[in-house]
Amino acid sequence: MDISDLDRLDPADARALVATWAGVPRWVDAVLAARPYASVSELAATADRLAGTWTDDEVAAALADHPRIGERPVGSGASAAASRVEQASSADPDGETRAAIRDGNAAYEARFDRVFLVRAAGRSATEILAELRRRLRNDDATERAEVADELRAIALLRLERTFA
């Protein structure tokens, strides 16, 4: 796909595509309202700027599309497929690391009442576990900001991958 393909998509197909980058409806609408784009870098810059306006509630709702770290994404949709690609480098850790991630996920969910979200692409299971442990020490406001930033990073990664 190239940038002109996005500009030519009908509204429903364009919405479905952009929603796979991040399930934030207001953001999806704003990204699409700015069409046409002259380049992928213009699209990415616009998407990044608009992601800076996400509310805590929008981020929380978008987390519903993301599987727990260390768990296999389910489903056959584009979001599940993207998660499978992104978590590939951290797939199949040793039993000890897998158990530590599972326990860390449970501790995180008990502490913050949401799924742990991290940009997994390019990170090993050991690196993800270290990040999970670090973020468990965050206060709630710091963690909310980190989750929004991770969601933004994932959205931009998915956007770039669409046009690669």
N, C-alpha and C. Protein backbone atom coordinates (compact mmCIF):
# COMPACT_ATOMS: atom_id res chain seq x y z
N MET A 1 0.84 -1.17 0.00
CA MET A 1 0.00 0.00 0.00
C MET A 1 0.89 1.24 0.00
N ASP A 2 0.47 2.25 -0.73
CA ASP A 2 1.18 3.53 -0.63
C ASP A 2 0.21 4.59 -0.14
N ILE A 3 0.72 5.78 0.13
CA ILE A 3 -0.08 6.82 0.78
C ILE A 3 -1.30 7.20 -0.06
N SER A 4 -1.18 7.17 -1.37
CA SER A 4 -2.33 7.52 -2.21
C SER A 4 -3.46 6.49 -2.07
N ASP A 5 -3.11 5.24 -1.74
CA ASP A 5 -4.14 4.22 -1.52
C ASP A 5 -5.02 4.58 -0.32
N LEU A 6 -4.39 5.08 0.74
CA LEU A 6 -5.16 5.51 1.91
C LEU A 6 -6.11 6.64 1.54
N ASP A 7 -5.61 7.56 0.77
CA ASP A 7 -6.43 8.70 0.38
C ASP A 7 -7.62 8.28 -0.47
N ARG A 8 -7.50 7.20 -1.23
CA ARG A 8 -8.57 6.75 -2.11
C ARG A 8 -9.55 5.79 -1.44
N LEU A 9 -9.20 5.23 -0.28
CA LEU A 9 -10.10 4.28 0.36
C LEU A 9 -11.42 4.93 0.71
N ASP A 10 -12.50 4.15 0.59
CA ASP A 10 -13.79 4.68 1.01
C ASP A 10 -13.77 4.82 2.53
N PRO A 11 -14.64 5.64 3.09
CA PRO A 11 -14.59 5.94 4.52
C PRO A 11 -14.61 4.72 5.43
N ALA A 12 -15.44 3.73 5.13
CA ALA A 12 -15.52 2.55 6.01
C ALA A 12 -14.22 1.75 5.99
N ASP A 13 -13.66 1.54 4.80
CA ASP A 13 -12.41 0.78 4.71
C ASP A 13 -11.25 1.55 5.33
N ALA A 14 -11.22 2.85 5.12
CA ALA A 14 -10.16 3.68 5.71
C ALA A 14 -10.27 3.65 7.23
N ARG A 15 -11.48 3.74 7.74
CA ARG A 15 -11.70 3.71 9.19
C ARG A 15 -11.24 2.38 9.76
N ALA A 16 -11.59 1.29 9.11
CA ALA A 16 -11.19 -0.04 9.58
C ALA A 16 -9.67 -0.17 9.61
N LEU A 17 -9.01 0.34 8.58
CA LEU A 17 -7.55 0.27 8.53
C LEU A 17 -6.91 1.08 9.65
N VAL A 18 -7.27 2.34 9.78
CA VAL A 18 -6.64 3.22 10.77
C VAL A 18 -6.96 2.72 12.19
N ALA A 19 -8.12 2.15 12.40
CA ALA A 19 -8.47 1.62 13.72
C ALA A 19 -7.58 0.45 14.13
N THR A 20 -6.94 -0.24 13.17
CA THR A 20 -6.01 -1.31 13.53
C THR A 20 -4.71 -0.75 14.11
N TRP A 21 -4.43 0.51 13.84
CA TRP A 21 -3.23 1.13 14.39
C TRP A 21 -3.44 1.47 15.86
N ALA A 22 -4.61 2.01 16.18
CA ALA A 22 -4.99 2.28 17.58
C ALA A 22 -6.51 2.42 17.60
N GLY A 23 -7.13 1.70 18.50
CA GLY A 23 -8.58 1.70 18.60
C GLY A 23 -9.11 2.89 19.39
N VAL A 24 -8.81 4.08 18.92
CA VAL A 24 -9.28 5.32 19.56
C VAL A 24 -10.14 6.04 18.51
N PRO A 25 -11.46 5.87 18.58
CA PRO A 25 -12.33 6.39 17.51
C PRO A 25 -12.15 7.87 17.19
N ARG A 26 -12.02 8.72 18.18
CA ARG A 26 -11.86 10.15 17.90
C ARG A 26 -10.56 10.40 17.14
N TRP A 27 -9.52 9.68 17.48
CA TRP A 27 -8.23 9.80 16.79
C TRP A 27 -8.35 9.29 15.36
N VAL A 28 -9.00 8.15 15.18
CA VAL A 28 -9.20 7.60 13.84
C VAL A 28 -9.91 8.62 12.97
N ASP A 29 -10.98 9.20 13.49
CA ASP A 29 -11.73 10.21 12.73
C ASP A 29 -10.85 11.40 12.37
N ALA A 30 -10.05 11.87 13.32
CA ALA A 30 -9.19 13.04 13.07
C ALA A 30 -8.09 12.73 12.06
N VAL A 31 -7.50 11.55 12.15
CA VAL A 31 -6.48 11.14 11.17
C VAL A 31 -7.09 11.11 9.77
N LEU A 32 -8.28 10.56 9.66
CA LEU A 32 -8.92 10.47 8.35
C LEU A 32 -9.40 11.82 7.84
N ALA A 33 -9.82 12.68 8.74
CA ALA A 33 -10.29 14.01 8.33
C ALA A 33 -9.17 14.85 7.72
N ALA A 34 -7.93 14.52 8.04
CA ALA A 34 -6.79 15.29 7.52
C ALA A 34 -6.34 14.80 6.14
N ARG A 35 -7.00 13.77 5.58
CA ARG A 35 -6.64 13.35 4.22
C ARG A 35 -6.92 14.46 3.24
N PRO A 36 -6.21 14.55 2.14
CA PRO A 36 -5.15 13.64 1.68
C PRO A 36 -3.80 13.99 2.31
N TYR A 37 -2.96 12.98 2.34
CA TYR A 37 -1.59 13.13 2.84
C TYR A 37 -0.62 13.10 1.67
N ALA A 38 0.37 13.95 1.74
CA ALA A 38 1.39 14.01 0.68
C ALA A 38 2.42 12.90 0.83
N SER A 39 2.59 12.41 2.06
CA SER A 39 3.61 11.39 2.31
C SER A 39 3.27 10.61 3.58
N VAL A 40 3.91 9.47 3.72
CA VAL A 40 3.75 8.68 4.94
C VAL A 40 4.29 9.46 6.14
N SER A 41 5.37 10.21 5.94
CA SER A 41 5.92 10.98 7.06
C SER A 41 4.94 12.06 7.50
N GLU A 42 4.20 12.66 6.58
CA GLU A 42 3.17 13.64 6.96
C GLU A 42 2.06 12.96 7.75
N LEU A 43 1.62 11.80 7.28
CA LEU A 43 0.60 11.02 7.99
C LEU A 43 1.10 10.67 9.39
N ALA A 44 2.32 10.17 9.49
CA ALA A 44 2.87 9.77 10.79
C ALA A 44 2.97 10.96 11.73
N ALA A 45 3.39 12.09 11.23
CA ALA A 45 3.50 13.29 12.08
C ALA A 45 2.12 13.73 12.57
N THR A 46 1.14 13.67 11.69
CA THR A 46 -0.23 14.04 12.08
C THR A 46 -0.77 13.05 13.11
N ALA A 47 -0.60 11.76 12.85
CA ALA A 47 -1.07 10.72 13.77
C ALA A 47 -0.40 10.87 15.14
N ASP A 48 0.89 11.14 15.14
CA ASP A 48 1.63 11.32 16.39
C ASP A 48 1.11 12.54 17.16
N ARG A 49 0.95 13.65 16.48
CA ARG A 49 0.45 14.87 17.13
C ARG A 49 -0.94 14.64 17.71
N LEU A 50 -1.81 14.01 16.95
CA LEU A 50 -3.17 13.74 17.41
C LEU A 50 -3.20 12.74 18.57
N ALA A 51 -2.26 11.81 18.59
CA ALA A 51 -2.19 10.85 19.70
C ALA A 51 -1.89 11.55 21.02
N GLY A 52 -1.24 12.70 20.94
CA GLY A 52 -0.95 13.46 22.15
C GLY A 52 -2.19 14.02 22.83
N THR A 53 -3.34 13.91 22.17
CA THR A 53 -4.59 14.42 22.74
C THR A 53 -5.44 13.32 23.37
N TRP A 54 -4.96 12.07 23.34
CA TRP A 54 -5.75 10.97 23.88
C TRP A 54 -6.03 11.18 25.36
N THR A 55 -7.25 10.87 25.75
CA THR A 55 -7.62 10.94 27.16
C THR A 55 -7.32 9.59 27.83
N ASP A 56 -7.31 9.58 29.14
CA ASP A 56 -7.12 8.33 29.88
C ASP A 56 -8.20 7.31 29.51
N ASP A 57 -9.44 7.78 29.35
CA ASP A 57 -10.54 6.87 29.00
C ASP A 57 -10.36 6.28 27.61
N GLU A 58 -9.88 7.08 26.67
CA GLU A 58 -9.64 6.58 25.31
C GLU A 58 -8.53 5.54 25.31
N VAL A 59 -7.48 5.79 26.04
CA VAL A 59 -6.38 4.82 26.13
C VAL A 59 -6.88 3.54 26.78
N ALA A 60 -7.63 3.67 27.85
CA ALA A 60 -8.16 2.48 28.53
C ALA A 60 -9.04 1.66 27.60
N ALA A 61 -9.89 2.31 26.82
CA ALA A 61 -10.75 1.59 25.88
C ALA A 61 -9.92 0.90 24.80
N ALA A 62 -8.87 1.55 24.33
CA ALA A 62 -8.02 0.97 23.29
C ALA A 62 -7.27 -0.26 23.78
N LEU A 63 -7.03 -0.34 25.07
CA LEU A 63 -6.32 -1.50 25.62
C LEU A 63 -7.09 -2.80 25.42
N ALA A 64 -8.39 -2.70 25.20
CA ALA A 64 -9.20 -3.90 25.00
C ALA A 64 -8.75 -4.68 23.78
N ASP A 65 -8.08 -4.03 22.82
CA ASP A 65 -7.60 -4.70 21.61
C ASP A 65 -6.24 -5.37 21.81
N HIS A 66 -5.64 -5.18 22.95
CA HIS A 66 -4.28 -5.67 23.15
C HIS A 66 -4.25 -6.87 24.10
N PRO A 67 -3.62 -7.96 23.65
CA PRO A 67 -3.51 -9.13 24.53
C PRO A 67 -2.49 -8.88 25.63
N ARG A 68 -2.57 -9.68 26.67
CA ARG A 68 -1.54 -9.61 27.70
C ARG A 68 -0.20 -9.98 27.08
N ILE A 69 0.82 -9.31 27.53
CA ILE A 69 2.18 -9.65 27.10
C ILE A 69 2.45 -11.10 27.51
N GLY A 70 3.00 -11.85 26.59
CA GLY A 70 3.31 -13.25 26.87
C GLY A 70 2.20 -14.21 26.51
N GLU A 71 1.02 -13.70 26.20
CA GLU A 71 -0.09 -14.54 25.78
C GLU A 71 -0.25 -14.44 24.27
N ARG A 72 -0.66 -15.51 23.67
CA ARG A 72 -0.88 -15.52 22.22
C ARG A 72 -2.11 -14.69 21.88
N PRO A 73 -2.00 -13.76 20.95
CA PRO A 73 -3.18 -13.02 20.52
C PRO A 73 -4.18 -13.98 19.90
N VAL A 74 -5.46 -13.76 20.17
CA VAL A 74 -6.51 -14.60 19.60
C VAL A 74 -7.25 -13.82 18.53
N GLY A 75 -7.91 -14.54 17.66
CA GLY A 75 -8.69 -13.90 16.61
C GLY A 75 -7.93 -13.87 15.30
N SER A 76 -8.67 -13.48 14.28
CA SER A 76 -8.08 -13.46 12.94
C SER A 76 -8.06 -12.06 12.35
N GLY A 77 -8.45 -11.07 13.12
CA GLY A 77 -8.49 -9.70 12.62
C GLY A 77 -7.12 -9.08 12.49
N ALA A 78 -7.10 -7.89 11.90
CA ALA A 78 -5.84 -7.18 11.65
C ALA A 78 -5.11 -6.82 12.94
N SER A 79 -5.85 -6.47 13.99
CA SER A 79 -5.22 -6.10 15.25
C SER A 79 -4.52 -7.31 15.88
N ALA A 80 -5.17 -8.47 15.86
CA ALA A 80 -4.56 -9.69 16.39
C ALA A 80 -3.34 -10.08 15.57
N ALA A 81 -3.43 -9.94 14.26
CA ALA A 81 -2.29 -10.26 13.40
C ALA A 81 -1.13 -9.33 13.70
N ALA A 82 -1.40 -8.05 13.90
CA ALA A 82 -0.33 -7.10 14.24
C ALA A 82 0.31 -7.46 15.56
N SER A 83 -0.49 -7.84 16.55
CA SER A 83 0.06 -8.23 17.85
C SER A 83 0.95 -9.46 17.73
N ARG A 84 0.55 -10.41 16.89
CA ARG A 84 1.39 -11.61 16.69
C ARG A 84 2.76 -11.23 16.14
N VAL A 85 2.78 -10.33 15.16
CA VAL A 85 4.05 -9.88 14.57
C VAL A 85 4.88 -9.16 15.62
N GLU A 86 4.25 -8.27 16.37
CA GLU A 86 4.96 -7.45 17.34
C GLU A 86 5.54 -8.26 18.49
N GLN A 87 4.86 -9.33 18.87
CA GLN A 87 5.33 -10.12 19.99
C GLN A 87 6.23 -11.28 19.55
N ALA A 88 6.51 -11.38 18.27
CA ALA A 88 7.29 -12.51 17.76
C ALA A 88 8.68 -12.60 18.39
N SER A 89 9.34 -11.46 18.59
CA SER A 89 10.70 -11.51 19.13
C SER A 89 10.72 -11.93 20.59
N SER A 90 9.59 -11.84 21.27
CA SER A 90 9.55 -12.22 22.67
C SER A 90 8.80 -13.54 22.89
N ALA A 91 8.44 -14.20 21.81
CA ALA A 91 7.69 -15.45 21.90
C ALA A 91 8.56 -16.57 22.46
N ASP A 92 7.90 -17.49 23.11
CA ASP A 92 8.54 -18.71 23.60
C ASP A 92 9.73 -18.47 24.52
N PRO A 93 9.56 -17.68 25.57
CA PRO A 93 10.65 -17.54 26.54
C PRO A 93 10.81 -18.82 27.33
N ASP A 94 11.90 -18.93 28.08
CA ASP A 94 12.07 -20.11 28.93
C ASP A 94 10.96 -20.10 29.98
N GLY A 95 10.78 -21.25 30.62
CA GLY A 95 9.70 -21.42 31.59
C GLY A 95 9.76 -20.43 32.75
N GLU A 96 10.94 -20.14 33.22
CA GLU A 96 11.09 -19.21 34.34
C GLU A 96 10.68 -17.79 33.94
N THR A 97 11.11 -17.35 32.78
CA THR A 97 10.75 -16.02 32.29
C THR A 97 9.25 -15.95 32.01
N ARG A 98 8.71 -16.98 31.41
CA ARG A 98 7.27 -17.02 31.12
C ARG A 98 6.46 -16.90 32.41
N ALA A 99 6.88 -17.63 33.44
CA ALA A 99 6.18 -17.57 34.73
C ALA A 99 6.33 -16.19 35.37
N ALA A 100 7.51 -15.60 35.25
CA ALA A 100 7.73 -14.26 35.83
C ALA A 100 6.88 -13.21 35.12
N ILE A 101 6.73 -13.33 33.80
CA ILE A 101 5.88 -12.40 33.05
C ILE A 101 4.42 -12.59 33.45
N ARG A 102 3.99 -13.84 33.56
CA ARG A 102 2.62 -14.12 33.99
C ARG A 102 2.36 -13.53 35.37
N ASP A 103 3.28 -13.74 36.31
CA ASP A 103 3.13 -13.19 37.66
C ASP A 103 3.19 -11.66 37.64
N GLY A 104 4.07 -11.12 36.81
CA GLY A 104 4.18 -9.66 36.69
C GLY A 104 2.91 -9.06 36.11
N ASN A 105 2.33 -9.72 35.10
CA ASN A 105 1.06 -9.25 34.54
C ASN A 105 -0.01 -9.19 35.62
N ALA A 106 -0.10 -10.24 36.44
CA ALA A 106 -1.10 -10.29 37.51
C ALA A 106 -0.86 -9.16 38.52
N ALA A 107 0.39 -8.95 38.89
CA ALA A 107 0.72 -7.88 39.85
C ALA A 107 0.39 -6.51 39.25
N TYR A 108 0.71 -6.34 37.98
CA TYR A 108 0.43 -5.07 37.30
C TYR A 108 -1.07 -4.80 37.26
N GLU A 109 -1.84 -5.81 36.87
CA GLU A 109 -3.29 -5.64 36.78
C GLU A 109 -3.90 -5.36 38.15
N ALA A 110 -3.38 -5.99 39.19
CA ALA A 110 -3.87 -5.72 40.55
C ALA A 110 -3.51 -4.30 40.97
N ARG A 111 -2.34 -3.84 40.60
CA ARG A 111 -1.87 -2.51 41.01
C ARG A 111 -2.53 -1.39 40.21
N PHE A 112 -2.65 -1.57 38.87
CA PHE A 112 -3.12 -0.48 38.02
C PHE A 112 -4.50 -0.70 37.40
N ASP A 113 -5.08 -1.87 37.60
CA ASP A 113 -6.42 -2.19 37.10
C ASP A 113 -6.52 -2.05 35.58
N ARG A 114 -5.49 -2.48 34.88
CA ARG A 114 -5.49 -2.50 33.41
C ARG A 114 -4.39 -3.45 32.96
N VAL A 115 -4.45 -3.84 31.70
CA VAL A 115 -3.46 -4.73 31.14
C VAL A 115 -2.14 -3.97 30.95
N PHE A 116 -1.04 -4.66 31.15
CA PHE A 116 0.28 -4.08 30.92
C PHE A 116 0.49 -3.96 29.42
N LEU A 117 0.77 -2.75 28.96
CA LEU A 117 0.99 -2.50 27.54
C LEU A 117 2.42 -2.03 27.34
N VAL A 118 3.10 -2.68 26.42
CA VAL A 118 4.46 -2.29 26.07
C VAL A 118 4.66 -2.56 24.59
N ARG A 119 5.45 -1.72 23.94
CA ARG A 119 5.80 -1.98 22.55
C ARG A 119 6.75 -3.18 22.58
N ALA A 120 6.24 -4.31 22.16
CA ALA A 120 7.01 -5.56 22.25
C ALA A 120 7.94 -5.75 21.05
N ALA A 121 7.63 -5.13 19.94
CA ALA A 121 8.42 -5.32 18.72
C ALA A 121 9.89 -5.02 18.98
N GLY A 122 10.72 -6.00 18.65
CA GLY A 122 12.16 -5.83 18.79
C GLY A 122 12.70 -6.05 20.19
N ARG A 123 11.84 -6.38 21.14
CA ARG A 123 12.28 -6.61 22.52
C ARG A 123 12.20 -8.10 22.84
N SER A 124 13.17 -8.56 23.57
CA SER A 124 13.15 -9.95 24.02
C SER A 124 12.24 -10.08 25.23
N ALA A 125 11.89 -11.31 25.56
CA ALA A 125 11.06 -11.56 26.75
C ALA A 125 11.76 -11.03 28.00
N THR A 126 13.06 -11.18 28.08
CA THR A 126 13.81 -10.68 29.24
C THR A 126 13.74 -9.17 29.33
N GLU A 127 13.84 -8.48 28.21
CA GLU A 127 13.73 -7.02 28.20
C GLU A 127 12.32 -6.57 28.61
N ILE A 128 11.32 -7.28 28.13
CA ILE A 128 9.94 -6.96 28.48
C ILE A 128 9.71 -7.17 29.97
N LEU A 129 10.24 -8.26 30.50
CA LEU A 129 10.10 -8.52 31.94
C LEU A 129 10.76 -7.41 32.75
N ALA A 130 11.92 -6.96 32.34
CA ALA A 130 12.60 -5.87 33.05
C ALA A 130 11.76 -4.60 33.00
N GLU A 131 11.15 -4.31 31.85
CA GLU A 131 10.30 -3.13 31.71
C GLU A 131 9.06 -3.26 32.59
N LEU A 132 8.46 -4.43 32.64
CA LEU A 132 7.30 -4.69 33.48
C LEU A 132 7.65 -4.44 34.96
N ARG A 133 8.76 -4.97 35.38
CA ARG A 133 9.19 -4.77 36.78
C ARG A 133 9.47 -3.30 37.07
N ARG A 134 10.09 -2.60 36.14
CA ARG A 134 10.37 -1.17 36.34
C ARG A 134 9.07 -0.39 36.48
N ARG A 135 8.13 -0.67 35.59
CA ARG A 135 6.90 0.10 35.59
C ARG A 135 5.98 -0.22 36.76
N LEU A 136 6.16 -1.36 37.36
CA LEU A 136 5.40 -1.66 38.58
C LEU A 136 5.73 -0.69 39.71
N ARG A 137 6.87 -0.02 39.62
CA ARG A 137 7.27 0.95 40.65
C ARG A 137 6.72 2.35 40.38
N ASN A 138 6.08 2.55 39.22
CA ASN A 138 5.51 3.86 38.88
C ASN A 138 4.32 4.19 39.76
N ASP A 139 4.10 5.50 39.97
CA ASP A 139 2.82 5.92 40.54
C ASP A 139 1.79 5.90 39.41
N ASP A 140 0.51 6.05 39.77
CA ASP A 140 -0.54 5.88 38.77
C ASP A 140 -0.45 6.91 37.65
N ALA A 141 -0.19 8.17 37.97
CA ALA A 141 -0.12 9.21 36.94
C ALA A 141 1.02 8.95 35.97
N THR A 142 2.17 8.57 36.48
CA THR A 142 3.32 8.27 35.62
C THR A 142 3.01 7.08 34.73
N GLU A 143 2.37 6.08 35.31
CA GLU A 143 2.06 4.88 34.52
C GLU A 143 1.01 5.18 33.44
N ARG A 144 0.02 5.97 33.75
CA ARG A 144 -0.97 6.34 32.73
C ARG A 144 -0.28 7.02 31.55
N ALA A 145 0.67 7.90 31.83
CA ALA A 145 1.41 8.58 30.76
C ALA A 145 2.25 7.58 29.97
N GLU A 146 2.88 6.63 30.65
CA GLU A 146 3.69 5.64 29.94
C GLU A 146 2.83 4.74 29.07
N VAL A 147 1.66 4.36 29.55
CA VAL A 147 0.76 3.51 28.76
C VAL A 147 0.34 4.25 27.49
N ALA A 148 -0.03 5.52 27.63
CA ALA A 148 -0.42 6.31 26.45
C ALA A 148 0.74 6.41 25.47
N ASP A 149 1.95 6.60 25.98
CA ASP A 149 3.11 6.69 25.10
C ASP A 149 3.39 5.36 24.40
N GLU A 150 3.24 4.25 25.12
CA GLU A 150 3.43 2.93 24.50
C GLU A 150 2.37 2.68 23.43
N LEU A 151 1.12 3.05 23.71
CA LEU A 151 0.06 2.88 22.72
C LEU A 151 0.36 3.72 21.48
N ARG A 152 0.83 4.94 21.69
CA ARG A 152 1.20 5.81 20.57
C ARG A 152 2.32 5.17 19.76
N ALA A 153 3.34 4.64 20.43
CA ALA A 153 4.47 4.00 19.74
C ALA A 153 4.00 2.80 18.93
N ILE A 154 3.10 2.02 19.49
CA ILE A 154 2.56 0.86 18.78
C ILE A 154 1.77 1.31 17.56
N ALA A 155 0.94 2.35 17.72
CA ALA A 155 0.16 2.86 16.60
C ALA A 155 1.05 3.33 15.47
N LEU A 156 2.11 4.07 15.81
CA LEU A 156 3.01 4.57 14.77
C LEU A 156 3.79 3.43 14.11
N LEU A 157 4.16 2.43 14.87
CA LEU A 157 4.82 1.25 14.31
C LEU A 157 3.89 0.54 13.32
N ARG A 158 2.64 0.38 13.70
CA ARG A 158 1.67 -0.27 12.81
C ARG A 158 1.41 0.57 11.56
N LEU A 159 1.34 1.87 11.74
CA LEU A 159 1.16 2.77 10.59
C LEU A 159 2.33 2.59 9.62
N GLU A 160 3.53 2.68 10.12
CA GLU A 160 4.73 2.53 9.26
C GLU A 160 4.74 1.16 8.59
N ARG A 161 4.38 0.12 9.30
CA ARG A 161 4.38 -1.22 8.73
C ARG A 161 3.35 -1.33 7.60
N THR A 162 2.23 -0.62 7.71
CA THR A 162 1.21 -0.64 6.66
C THR A 162 1.79 -0.17 5.32
N PHE A 163 2.69 0.81 5.39
CA PHE A 163 3.21 1.41 4.16
C PHE A 163 4.61 0.93 3.80
N ALA A 164 5.12 -0.05 4.52
CA ALA A 164 6.48 -0.56 4.25
C ALA A 164 6.49 -1.41 2.99
